Amino acid sequence: MNVTLFPDVVVNGETIPSAAIAAEAQNHEAPKEKPGIAWRKAAQALAIRALLLQEAKRRALTADPLELAPGRFETEDEALIRALLDEALVIAPVGEDAVHAEWEKDPARYRSAPLWDVSHILCACDPRDEAERGLAEARAVALLARLDGDAKGFAAAARESDCGSKASGGHLGQLGPGDTVPEFEAALRTLTDEGITPAPVLSRHGWHIIRLNATAPGQVLPYETVRPKIAQALEKAAWADASRAFVESLADRSSITGASLAPI
């Protein structure tokens, strides 16, 4: 990205250089053919950060960085912004009526995790080894072509699997979310019952041919079970709305050039 094509951002006389925006842009998603979107998102994020830090300093706030995880602490700027929002935002408690009304919109949304009955064929390899990965992929493609969508022949083909499940026709049993590596689960979620992945799926273990035998959808959970989750979601949404309104109020009385706070 040619940073000279984009202007510096100035917030109430404070300049945010284009180099800082270019660095921040790496943290924002955008289509490859439209890098300007990532730039605009980065410029907006840094402009908002500047607004909040300026207001925290205007109020003479101080804050000690909190430990977010073992050995990982907030930066001083993050601590100041947290202190500012804690002081400035007043969030009304979420009442029982609001929680129940949200649940009543569609109780079926709140379910236990589904279970998938799954079989697979593994052509094992170290994905970091290009030659080994290529040979394993060719083997998996050949197995898949031999199957040609024949779900009934899957167990026989699974005898050539590199997984111990080959002894049971590749059957892995019932799996839930998080029970497999992410690549495997992502492919599994695209299948319908008795469906087979149209192409081998690469994971840290090698190439998988995956068959979804059946799905057991999660059960609808009772209100009392999901109530805390709904309340937490409503509180989070209220906090986000209040934060957005607060930033807009700061922007309304500020001078900002080179960035827009409008949704991107």
C-alpha atoms as a PDB file:
ATOM      1  CA  MET A   1       0.000   0.000   0.000  1.00  0.00           C
ATOM      2  CA  ASN A   2       1.422   3.370  -0.984  1.00  0.00           C
ATOM      3  CA  VAL A   3       0.966   5.451   2.169  1.00  0.00           C
ATOM      4  CA  THR A   4       1.650   8.705   0.304  1.00  0.00           C
ATOM      5  CA  LEU A   5      -1.760   8.361  -1.364  1.00  0.00           C
ATOM      6  CA  PHE A   6      -3.469   8.780   1.989  1.00  0.00           C
ATOM      7  CA  PRO A   7      -3.458  11.907   4.168  1.00  0.00           C
ATOM      8  CA  ASP A   8      -2.454  12.161   7.780  1.00  0.00           C
ATOM      9  CA  VAL A   9      -5.314  12.171  10.260  1.00  0.00           C
ATOM     10  CA  VAL A  10      -5.596  15.223  12.509  1.00  0.00           C
ATOM     11  CA  VAL A  11      -7.774  15.138  15.616  1.00  0.00           C
ATOM     12  CA  ASN A  12      -8.107  18.459  17.447  1.00  0.00           C
ATOM     13  CA  GLY A  13      -4.668  19.482  16.225  1.00  0.00           C
ATOM     14  CA  GLU A  14      -3.032  16.157  17.071  1.00  0.00           C
ATOM     15  CA  THR A  15      -1.549  14.494  13.975  1.00  0.00           C
ATOM     16  CA  ILE A  16      -1.702  10.755  13.494  1.00  0.00           C
ATOM     17  CA  PRO A  17       0.951  10.068  10.851  1.00  0.00           C
ATOM     18  CA  SER A  18       0.212   7.930   7.817  1.00  0.00           C
ATOM     19  CA  ALA A  19       2.892   5.430   8.921  1.00  0.00           C
ATOM     20  CA  ALA A  20       0.935   4.703  12.112  1.00  0.00           C
ATOM     21  CA  ILE A  21      -2.242   4.210  10.091  1.00  0.00           C
ATOM     22  CA  ALA A  22      -0.446   1.859   7.694  1.00  0.00           C
ATOM     23  CA  ALA A  23       0.723  -0.235  10.641  1.00  0.00           C
ATOM     24  CA  GLU A  24      -2.775  -0.313  12.125  1.00  0.00           C
ATOM     25  CA  ALA A  25      -4.309  -1.253   8.745  1.00  0.00           C
ATOM     26  CA  GLN A  26      -2.745  -4.716   9.075  1.00  0.00           C
ATOM     27  CA  ASN A  27      -5.250  -5.411  11.861  1.00  0.00           C
ATOM     28  CA  HIS A  28      -8.317  -4.721   9.705  1.00  0.00           C
ATOM     29  CA  GLU A  29      -9.884  -6.983   7.094  1.00  0.00           C
ATOM     30  CA  ALA A  30     -10.624  -5.779   3.578  1.00  0.00           C
ATOM     31  CA  PRO A  31     -10.896  -7.306   0.099  1.00  0.00           C
ATOM     32  CA  LYS A  32      -7.462  -7.704  -1.508  1.00  0.00           C
ATOM     33  CA  GLU A  33      -8.506  -5.518  -4.400  1.00  0.00           C
ATOM     34  CA  LYS A  34      -9.674  -2.748  -2.052  1.00  0.00           C
ATOM     35  CA  PRO A  35      -6.829  -1.981   0.400  1.00  0.00           C
ATOM     36  CA  GLY A  36      -8.278   1.489   0.907  1.00  0.00           C
ATOM     37  CA  ILE A  37     -11.022  -0.043   3.063  1.00  0.00           C
ATOM     38  CA  ALA A  38      -8.461  -1.366   5.555  1.00  0.00           C
ATOM     39  CA  TRP A  39      -6.836   2.071   5.559  1.00  0.00           C
ATOM     40  CA  ARG A  40     -10.133   3.835   6.285  1.00  0.00           C
ATOM     41  CA  LYS A  41     -10.921   1.384   9.088  1.00  0.00           C
ATOM     42  CA  ALA A  42      -7.475   1.957  10.588  1.00  0.00           C
ATOM     43  CA  ALA A  43      -7.765   5.732  10.301  1.00  0.00           C
ATOM     44  CA  GLN A  44     -11.153   5.599  11.989  1.00  0.00           C
ATOM     45  CA  ALA A  45      -9.896   3.367  14.808  1.00  0.00           C
ATOM     46  CA  LEU A  46      -6.921   5.620  15.542  1.00  0.00           C
ATOM     47  CA  ALA A  47      -9.064   8.759  15.358  1.00  0.00           C
ATOM     48  CA  ILE A  48     -11.466   7.297  17.925  1.00  0.00           C
ATOM     49  CA  ARG A  49      -8.536   6.271  20.112  1.00  0.00           C
ATOM     50  CA  ALA A  50      -7.143   9.800  19.946  1.00  0.00           C
ATOM     51  CA  LEU A  51     -10.533  11.301  20.862  1.00  0.00           C
ATOM     52  CA  LEU A  52     -10.844   9.039  23.892  1.00  0.00           C
ATOM     53  CA  LEU A  53      -7.296   9.646  25.113  1.00  0.00           C
ATOM     54  CA  GLN A  54      -7.700  13.402  24.725  1.00  0.00           C
ATOM     55  CA  GLU A  55     -10.889  13.291  26.790  1.00  0.00           C
ATOM     56  CA  ALA A  56      -9.241  11.114  29.446  1.00  0.00           C
ATOM     57  CA  LYS A  57      -6.408  13.619  29.744  1.00  0.00           C
ATOM     58  CA  ARG A  58      -8.867  16.543  29.822  1.00  0.00           C
ATOM     59  CA  ARG A  59     -10.526  14.874  32.812  1.00  0.00           C
ATOM     60  CA  ALA A  60      -7.101  14.246  34.381  1.00  0.00           C
ATOM     61  CA  LEU A  61      -7.853  10.553  34.734  1.00  0.00           C
ATOM     62  CA  THR A  62      -5.255   8.029  35.828  1.00  0.00           C
ATOM     63  CA  ALA A  63      -5.408   4.244  35.753  1.00  0.00           C
ATOM     64  CA  ASP A  64      -3.130   1.333  36.528  1.00  0.00           C
ATOM     65  CA  PRO A  65      -2.917  -1.267  33.733  1.00  0.00           C
ATOM     66  CA  LEU A  66      -4.800  -4.455  34.559  1.00  0.00           C
ATOM     67  CA  GLU A  67      -3.428  -7.943  34.012  1.00  0.00           C
ATOM     68  CA  LEU A  68      -5.521  -9.366  31.168  1.00  0.00           C
ATOM     69  CA  ALA A  69      -3.904 -12.800  31.240  1.00  0.00           C
ATOM     70  CA  PRO A  70      -0.883 -14.268  33.047  1.00  0.00           C
ATOM     71  CA  GLY A  71       1.988 -11.955  32.172  1.00  0.00           C
ATOM     72  CA  ARG A  72      -0.068  -9.835  29.745  1.00  0.00           C
ATOM     73  CA  PHE A  73      -1.071  -6.346  30.861  1.00  0.00           C
ATOM     74  CA  GLU A  74      -3.021  -3.464  29.390  1.00  0.00           C
ATOM     75  CA  THR A  75      -0.985  -0.650  27.901  1.00  0.00           C
ATOM     76  CA  GLU A  76      -1.183   2.705  29.670  1.00  0.00           C
ATOM     77  CA  ASP A  77      -3.403   4.039  26.879  1.00  0.00           C
ATOM     78  CA  GLU A  78      -5.748   1.043  27.157  1.00  0.00           C
ATOM     79  CA  ALA A  79      -5.984   1.579  30.910  1.00  0.00           C
ATOM     80  CA  LEU A  80      -6.814   5.277  30.430  1.00  0.00           C
ATOM     81  CA  ILE A  81      -9.534   4.502  27.890  1.00  0.00           C
ATOM     82  CA  ARG A  82     -11.024   1.888  30.225  1.00  0.00           C
ATOM     83  CA  ALA A  83     -11.044   4.393  33.089  1.00  0.00           C
ATOM     84  CA  LEU A  84     -12.707   7.008  30.874  1.00  0.00           C
ATOM     85  CA  LEU A  85     -15.478   4.672  29.715  1.00  0.00           C
ATOM     86  CA  ASP A  86     -16.037   3.433  33.275  1.00  0.00           C
ATOM     87  CA  GLU A  87     -16.566   7.034  34.359  1.00  0.00           C
ATOM     88  CA  ALA A  88     -18.494   8.316  31.337  1.00  0.00           C
ATOM     89  CA  LEU A  89     -20.863   5.481  30.529  1.00  0.00           C
ATOM     90  CA  VAL A  90     -23.962   4.878  32.598  1.00  0.00           C
ATOM     91  CA  ILE A  91     -25.538   1.561  31.651  1.00  0.00           C
ATOM     92  CA  ALA A  92     -28.958   0.789  33.084  1.00  0.00           C
ATOM     93  CA  PRO A  93     -29.264  -2.723  34.514  1.00  0.00           C
ATOM     94  CA  VAL A  94     -30.956  -5.197  32.192  1.00  0.00           C
ATOM     95  CA  GLY A  95     -34.358  -6.018  33.669  1.00  0.00           C
ATOM     96  CA  GLU A  96     -36.077  -9.383  33.768  1.00  0.00           C
ATOM     97  CA  ASP A  97     -38.768  -8.177  31.350  1.00  0.00           C
ATOM     98  CA  ALA A  98     -36.162  -7.272  28.727  1.00  0.00           C
ATOM     99  CA  VAL A  99     -34.391 -10.610  29.069  1.00  0.00           C
ATOM    100  CA  HIS A 100     -37.643 -12.572  28.823  1.00  0.00           C
ATOM    101  CA  ALA A 101     -38.811 -10.520  25.835  1.00  0.00           C
ATOM    102  CA  GLU A 102     -35.561 -11.264  23.998  1.00  0.00           C
ATOM    103  CA  TRP A 103     -35.939 -14.979  24.726  1.00  0.00           C
ATOM    104  CA  GLU A 104     -39.558 -14.986  23.548  1.00  0.00           C
ATOM    105  CA  LYS A 105     -38.548 -13.676  20.098  1.00  0.00           C
ATOM    106  CA  ASP A 106     -37.335 -17.170  19.235  1.00  0.00           C
ATOM    107  CA  PRO A 107     -36.719 -19.693  22.044  1.00  0.00           C
ATOM    108  CA  ALA A 108     -35.450 -22.188  19.450  1.00  0.00           C
ATOM    109  CA  ARG A 109     -32.308 -20.065  19.011  1.00  0.00           C
ATOM    110  CA  TYR A 110     -31.041 -21.290  22.345  1.00  0.00           C
ATOM    111  CA  ARG A 111     -29.987 -24.897  21.958  1.00  0.00           C
ATOM    112  CA  SER A 112     -27.412 -27.273  23.284  1.00  0.00           C
ATOM    113  CA  ALA A 113     -24.553 -28.076  20.912  1.00  0.00           C
ATOM    114  CA  PRO A 114     -25.329 -30.420  18.005  1.00  0.00           C
ATOM    115  CA  LEU A 115     -23.755 -33.854  17.685  1.00  0.00           C
ATOM    116  CA  TRP A 116     -22.379 -35.159  14.404  1.00  0.00           C
ATOM    117  CA  ASP A 117     -21.934 -38.844  13.651  1.00  0.00           C
ATOM    118  CA  VAL A 118     -18.772 -38.816  11.533  1.00  0.00           C
ATOM    119  CA  SER A 119     -16.492 -41.094   9.568  1.00  0.00           C
ATOM    120  CA  HIS A 120     -13.267 -40.147   7.820  1.00  0.00           C
ATOM    121  CA  ILE A 121     -10.311 -41.421   5.850  1.00  0.00           C
ATOM    122  CA  LEU A 122      -6.930 -39.942   6.710  1.00  0.00           C
ATOM    123  CA  CYS A 123      -3.963 -39.719   4.376  1.00  0.00           C
ATOM    124  CA  ALA A 124      -1.404 -38.676   6.943  1.00  0.00           C
ATOM    125  CA  CYS A 125       1.458 -36.270   6.282  1.00  0.00           C
ATOM    126  CA  ASP A 126       3.365 -33.378   7.759  1.00  0.00           C
ATOM    127  CA  PRO A 127       1.686 -30.395   6.034  1.00  0.00           C
ATOM    128  CA  ARG A 128       4.902 -28.401   6.409  1.00  0.00           C
ATOM    129  CA  ASP A 129       6.722 -30.845   4.125  1.00  0.00           C
ATOM    130  CA  GLU A 130       5.742 -29.859   0.587  1.00  0.00           C
ATOM    131  CA  ALA A 131       6.702 -33.157  -1.054  1.00  0.00           C
ATOM    132  CA  GLU A 132       5.056 -35.279   1.614  1.00  0.00           C
ATOM    133  CA  ARG A 133       1.946 -33.102   1.547  1.00  0.00           C
ATOM    134  CA  GLY A 134       1.689 -33.420  -2.232  1.00  0.00           C
ATOM    135  CA  LEU A 135       1.983 -37.216  -2.207  1.00  0.00           C
ATOM    136  CA  ALA A 136      -0.624 -37.543   0.532  1.00  0.00           C
ATOM    137  CA  GLU A 137      -2.983 -35.219  -1.323  1.00  0.00           C
ATOM    138  CA  ALA A 138      -2.650 -37.235  -4.540  1.00  0.00           C
ATOM    139  CA  ARG A 139      -3.483 -40.374  -2.598  1.00  0.00           C
ATOM    140  CA  ALA A 140      -6.523 -38.727  -0.987  1.00  0.00           C
ATOM    141  CA  VAL A 141      -7.759 -37.414  -4.351  1.00  0.00           C
ATOM    142  CA  ALA A 142      -7.459 -40.895  -5.849  1.00  0.00           C
ATOM    143  CA  LEU A 143      -9.411 -42.435  -2.958  1.00  0.00           C
ATOM    144  CA  LEU A 144     -12.108 -39.783  -3.285  1.00  0.00           C
ATOM    145  CA  ALA A 145     -12.384 -40.362  -7.029  1.00  0.00           C
ATOM    146  CA  ARG A 146     -12.758 -44.068  -6.409  1.00  0.00           C
ATOM    147  CA  LEU A 147     -15.601 -43.402  -4.009  1.00  0.00           C
ATOM    148  CA  ASP A 148     -17.323 -41.105  -6.523  1.00  0.00           C
ATOM    149  CA  GLY A 149     -19.852 -40.034  -3.899  1.00  0.00           C
ATOM    150  CA  ASP A 150     -20.692 -43.627  -2.944  1.00  0.00           C
ATOM    151  CA  ALA A 151     -21.370 -43.288   0.772  1.00  0.00           C
ATOM    152  CA  LYS A 152     -22.005 -47.011   1.094  1.00  0.00           C
ATOM    153  CA  GLY A 153     -18.479 -47.813  -0.087  1.00  0.00           C
ATOM    154  CA  PHE A 154     -16.904 -45.485   2.427  1.00  0.00           C
ATOM    155  CA  ALA A 155     -16.224 -48.126   5.085  1.00  0.00           C
ATOM    156  CA  ALA A 156     -14.402 -50.331   2.589  1.00  0.00           C
ATOM    157  CA  ALA A 157     -12.262 -47.430   1.342  1.00  0.00           C
ATOM    158  CA  ALA A 158     -11.488 -46.471   4.930  1.00  0.00           C
ATOM    159  CA  ARG A 159      -9.417 -49.632   5.310  1.00  0.00           C
ATOM    160  CA  GLU A 160      -6.649 -47.639   3.597  1.00  0.00           C
ATOM    161  CA  SER A 161      -6.849 -44.840   6.156  1.00  0.00           C
ATOM    162  CA  ASP A 162      -3.858 -43.906   8.293  1.00  0.00           C
ATOM    163  CA  CYS A 163      -6.147 -43.426  11.306  1.00  0.00           C
ATOM    164  CA  GLY A 164      -6.868 -46.134  13.862  1.00  0.00           C
ATOM    165  CA  SER A 165     -10.548 -45.660  13.024  1.00  0.00           C
ATOM    166  CA  LYS A 166      -9.960 -47.739   9.866  1.00  0.00           C
ATOM    167  CA  ALA A 167     -10.706 -50.818  11.969  1.00  0.00           C
ATOM    168  CA  SER A 168     -14.295 -49.569  12.293  1.00  0.00           C
ATOM    169  CA  GLY A 169     -14.738 -48.346   8.719  1.00  0.00           C
ATOM    170  CA  GLY A 170     -13.399 -44.888   9.520  1.00  0.00           C
ATOM    171  CA  HIS A 171     -16.125 -44.285  12.098  1.00  0.00           C
ATOM    172  CA  LEU A 172     -15.173 -41.619  14.655  1.00  0.00           C
ATOM    173  CA  GLY A 173     -18.446 -41.768  16.580  1.00  0.00           C
ATOM    174  CA  GLN A 174     -20.336 -38.693  17.742  1.00  0.00           C
ATOM    175  CA  LEU A 175     -18.479 -35.389  17.766  1.00  0.00           C
ATOM    176  CA  GLY A 176     -19.492 -31.983  19.050  1.00  0.00           C
ATOM    177  CA  PRO A 177     -18.135 -28.467  18.437  1.00  0.00           C
ATOM    178  CA  GLY A 178     -14.497 -28.243  19.448  1.00  0.00           C
ATOM    179  CA  ASP A 179     -13.894 -32.007  19.380  1.00  0.00           C
ATOM    180  CA  THR A 180     -11.830 -31.851  16.179  1.00  0.00           C
ATOM    181  CA  VAL A 181      -9.270 -29.525  14.663  1.00  0.00           C
ATOM    182  CA  PRO A 182     -10.813 -26.311  13.224  1.00  0.00           C
ATOM    183  CA  GLU A 183     -10.287 -27.230   9.562  1.00  0.00           C
ATOM    184  CA  PHE A 184     -12.056 -30.563  10.043  1.00  0.00           C
ATOM    185  CA  GLU A 185     -15.004 -28.987  11.868  1.00  0.00           C
ATOM    186  CA  ALA A 186     -15.354 -26.184   9.322  1.00  0.00           C
ATOM    187  CA  ALA A 187     -15.664 -28.746   6.519  1.00  0.00           C
ATOM    188  CA  LEU A 188     -18.023 -30.880   8.596  1.00  0.00           C
ATOM    189  CA  ARG A 189     -20.389 -27.938   9.051  1.00  0.00           C
ATOM    190  CA  THR A 190     -20.811 -27.639   5.276  1.00  0.00           C
ATOM    191  CA  LEU A 191     -22.101 -31.210   4.875  1.00  0.00           C
ATOM    192  CA  THR A 192     -25.619 -32.570   4.919  1.00  0.00           C
ATOM    193  CA  ASP A 193     -26.399 -36.016   6.294  1.00  0.00           C
ATOM    194  CA  GLU A 194     -24.689 -38.785   4.318  1.00  0.00           C
ATOM    195  CA  GLY A 195     -22.630 -36.165   2.481  1.00  0.00           C
ATOM    196  CA  ILE A 196     -18.916 -36.506   1.707  1.00  0.00           C
ATOM    197  CA  THR A 197     -16.476 -33.614   1.340  1.00  0.00           C
ATOM    198  CA  PRO A 198     -16.051 -32.881  -2.403  1.00  0.00           C
ATOM    199  CA  ALA A 199     -12.289 -32.468  -1.962  1.00  0.00           C
ATOM    200  CA  PRO A 200      -9.786 -33.633   0.647  1.00  0.00           C
ATOM    201  CA  VAL A 201      -9.453 -31.334   3.667  1.00  0.00           C
ATOM    202  CA  LEU A 202      -5.994 -30.476   4.997  1.00  0.00           C
ATOM    203  CA  SER A 203      -5.333 -30.318   8.726  1.00  0.00           C
ATOM    204  CA  ARG A 204      -2.234 -30.605  10.904  1.00  0.00           C
ATOM    205  CA  HIS A 205      -2.675 -34.388  10.671  1.00  0.00           C
ATOM    206  CA  GLY A 206      -2.842 -34.656   6.886  1.00  0.00           C
ATOM    207  CA  TRP A 207      -5.603 -34.923   4.287  1.00  0.00           C
ATOM    208  CA  HIS A 208      -9.096 -35.995   5.370  1.00  0.00           C
ATOM    209  CA  ILE A 209     -12.020 -37.337   3.386  1.00  0.00           C
ATOM    210  CA  ILE A 210     -14.972 -36.688   5.673  1.00  0.00           C
ATOM    211  CA  ARG A 211     -18.412 -38.258   5.712  1.00  0.00           C
ATOM    212  CA  LEU A 212     -21.271 -36.928   7.836  1.00  0.00           C
ATOM    213  CA  ASN A 213     -23.373 -39.953   8.672  1.00  0.00           C
ATOM    214  CA  ALA A 214     -26.084 -38.144  10.639  1.00  0.00           C
ATOM    215  CA  THR A 215     -26.727 -35.018  12.689  1.00  0.00           C
ATOM    216  CA  ALA A 216     -28.421 -34.819  16.075  1.00  0.00           C
ATOM    217  CA  PRO A 217     -29.506 -31.184  16.462  1.00  0.00           C
ATOM    218  CA  GLY A 218     -29.115 -29.630  19.868  1.00  0.00           C
ATOM    219  CA  GLN A 219     -32.075 -29.565  22.210  1.00  0.00           C
ATOM    220  CA  VAL A 220     -33.931 -26.328  22.953  1.00  0.00           C
ATOM    221  CA  LEU A 221     -32.752 -25.151  26.374  1.00  0.00           C
ATOM    222  CA  PRO A 222     -35.115 -23.948  29.117  1.00  0.00           C
ATOM    223  CA  TYR A 223     -35.341 -20.226  29.836  1.00  0.00           C
ATOM    224  CA  GLU A 224     -33.649 -20.441  33.229  1.00  0.00           C
ATOM    225  CA  THR A 225     -30.627 -22.099  31.667  1.00  0.00           C
ATOM    226  CA  VAL A 226     -30.115 -19.459  28.973  1.00  0.00           C
ATOM    227  CA  ARG A 227     -31.205 -16.415  30.974  1.00  0.00           C
ATOM    228  CA  PRO A 228     -27.652 -15.443  32.114  1.00  0.00           C
ATOM    229  CA  LYS A 229     -26.356 -15.687  28.546  1.00  0.00           C
ATOM    230  CA  ILE A 230     -29.171 -13.496  27.210  1.00  0.00           C
ATOM    231  CA  ALA A 231     -28.687 -10.927  29.976  1.00  0.00           C
ATOM    232  CA  GLN A 232     -24.956 -10.792  29.260  1.00  0.00           C
ATOM    233  CA  ALA A 233     -25.594 -10.284  25.537  1.00  0.00           C
ATOM    234  CA  LEU A 234     -28.073  -7.463  26.215  1.00  0.00           C
ATOM    235  CA  GLU A 235     -25.645  -5.782  28.609  1.00  0.00           C
ATOM    236  CA  LYS A 236     -22.872  -6.032  26.027  1.00  0.00           C
ATOM    237  CA  ALA A 237     -25.125  -4.528  23.344  1.00  0.00           C
ATOM    238  CA  ALA A 238     -26.168  -1.692  25.670  1.00  0.00           C
ATOM    239  CA  TRP A 239     -22.516  -0.976  26.477  1.00  0.00           C
ATOM    240  CA  ALA A 240     -21.629  -0.919  22.764  1.00  0.00           C
ATOM    241  CA  ASP A 241     -24.511   1.477  22.017  1.00  0.00           C
ATOM    242  CA  ALA A 242     -23.514   3.774  24.879  1.00  0.00           C
ATOM    243  CA  SER A 243     -19.854   3.723  23.783  1.00  0.00           C
ATOM    244  CA  ARG A 244     -20.813   4.605  20.230  1.00  0.00           C
ATOM    245  CA  ALA A 245     -23.018   7.475  21.400  1.00  0.00           C
ATOM    246  CA  PHE A 246     -20.231   8.769  23.661  1.00  0.00           C
ATOM    247  CA  VAL A 247     -17.682   8.747  20.827  1.00  0.00           C
ATOM    248  CA  GLU A 248     -20.177  10.532  18.572  1.00  0.00           C
ATOM    249  CA  SER A 249     -20.677  13.204  21.231  1.00  0.00           C
ATOM    250  CA  LEU A 250     -16.910  13.751  21.410  1.00  0.00           C
ATOM    251  CA  ALA A 251     -16.655  13.896  17.623  1.00  0.00           C
ATOM    252  CA  ASP A 252     -19.474  16.433  17.359  1.00  0.00           C
ATOM    253  CA  ARG A 253     -17.453  18.973  19.305  1.00  0.00           C
ATOM    254  CA  SER A 254     -14.099  18.104  17.741  1.00  0.00           C
ATOM    255  CA  SER A 255     -12.170  18.918  14.593  1.00  0.00           C
ATOM    256  CA  ILE A 256     -11.238  15.782  12.634  1.00  0.00           C
ATOM    257  CA  THR A 257      -9.627  15.690   9.183  1.00  0.00           C
ATOM    258  CA  GLY A 258      -8.397  12.709   7.187  1.00  0.00           C
ATOM    259  CA  ALA A 259     -10.824  10.220   8.724  1.00  0.00           C
ATOM    260  CA  SER A 260     -14.543   9.622   8.909  1.00  0.00           C
ATOM    261  CA  LEU A 261     -16.357   8.118  11.886  1.00  0.00           C
ATOM    262  CA  ALA A 262     -19.259   6.966   9.725  1.00  0.00           C
ATOM    263  CA  PRO A 263     -19.737   3.176   9.561  1.00  0.00           C
ATOM    264  CA  ILE A 264     -17.477   1.528   6.959  1.00  0.00           C
END
